[in-house]
Amino acid sequence: MTATPAYLGCDGIAYEYEPKWGMTTLDWFAVAQCARKRMTDTADNIHQWRGSRRSFYTALQMMQVDEVQFMDD
C-alpha cells in the first residue's frame, strides 16, 4: 500500500496532492505565500528569516510575472 503524498500548508493543515513534473505560476505563488508567512513568523531569528526571504524572492522570480498575458482584450 502506497501512502498518499501530503504537504503542510501555511495554515497548518495537511493537504493531499498528486505529484506532477512541473510548477505553474499558481504553484510558485503558493510557495511565495508560505515563505512570506514564515518570514513574519521567524522575524526574531535572522538566520531562519533570511532563508525564508531567499525562498520568497526565488518564488517571485520563478513566477515570471512579466511574461503573463491578459486575456481580456
Protein backbone atom coordinates (compact mmCIF):
# COMPACT_ATOMS: atom_id res chain seq x y z
CA MET A 1 0.00 0.00 0.00
CA THR A 2 1.40 3.39 -1.03
CA ALA A 3 0.86 6.44 1.13
CA THR A 4 -0.78 9.46 -0.48
CA PRO A 5 1.67 12.37 -0.64
CA ALA A 6 0.74 15.32 1.56
CA TYR A 7 2.21 18.67 2.45
CA LEU A 8 1.66 21.02 5.35
CA GLY A 9 0.10 24.27 4.17
CA CYS A 10 0.73 27.73 5.59
CA ASP A 11 -2.45 27.32 7.59
CA GLY A 12 -1.06 24.25 9.40
CA ILE A 13 -3.39 21.81 7.61
CA ALA A 14 -2.02 18.75 5.77
CA TYR A 15 -3.19 18.59 2.15
CA GLU A 16 -3.05 15.57 -0.13
CA TYR A 17 -1.79 16.11 -3.65
CA GLU A 18 -0.86 14.30 -6.85
CA PRO A 19 2.81 14.75 -7.73
CA LYS A 20 3.48 16.45 -11.06
CA TRP A 21 6.53 17.22 -13.19
CA GLY A 22 6.30 21.00 -13.33
CA MET A 23 5.20 24.01 -11.36
CA THR A 24 2.76 26.61 -12.62
CA THR A 25 2.68 30.28 -11.73
CA LEU A 26 -0.02 29.50 -9.19
CA ASP A 27 2.23 26.86 -7.56
CA TRP A 28 5.06 29.39 -7.26
CA PHE A 29 2.59 31.90 -5.81
CA ALA A 30 1.72 29.37 -3.08
CA VAL A 31 5.43 28.89 -2.33
CA ALA A 32 5.90 32.67 -2.10
CA GLN A 33 2.85 33.00 0.15
CA CYS A 34 4.14 30.37 2.58
CA ALA A 35 7.66 31.84 2.54
CA ARG A 36 6.24 35.29 3.31
CA LYS A 37 4.30 33.86 6.25
CA ARG A 38 7.46 32.14 7.52
CA MET A 39 9.30 35.48 7.26
CA THR A 40 6.69 37.02 9.57
CA ASP A 41 6.72 34.06 11.96
CA THR A 42 10.53 33.98 12.26
CA ALA A 43 11.21 37.73 12.38
CA ASP A 44 13.08 37.23 15.65
CA ASN A 45 15.52 34.68 14.16
CA ILE A 46 17.65 36.34 11.47
CA HIS A 47 19.03 33.04 10.10
CA GLN A 48 15.61 31.48 9.53
CA TRP A 49 14.23 34.79 8.27
CA ARG A 50 16.99 35.05 5.65
CA GLY A 51 16.27 31.52 4.42
CA SER A 52 12.57 32.30 4.09
CA ARG A 53 13.37 35.57 2.34
CA ARG A 54 15.51 33.68 -0.16
CA SER A 55 12.62 31.28 -0.81
CA PHE A 56 10.22 34.21 -1.22
CA TYR A 57 12.31 36.04 -3.80
CA THR A 58 13.16 32.83 -5.66
CA ALA A 59 9.45 32.05 -5.98
CA LEU A 60 8.77 35.58 -7.26
CA GLN A 61 11.45 35.17 -9.92
CA MET A 62 10.13 31.77 -10.96
CA MET A 63 6.62 33.19 -11.48
CA GLN A 64 7.93 35.26 -14.42
CA VAL A 65 5.13 37.76 -13.89
CA ASP A 66 6.38 40.00 -16.72
CA GLU A 67 5.53 37.24 -19.20
CA VAL A 68 1.87 36.93 -18.15
CA GLN A 69 -0.59 37.89 -20.88
CA PHE A 70 -4.07 39.13 -20.00
CA MET A 71 -6.89 37.53 -21.99
CA ASP A 72 -9.43 40.34 -21.58
CA ASP A 73 -8.71 42.21 -24.85
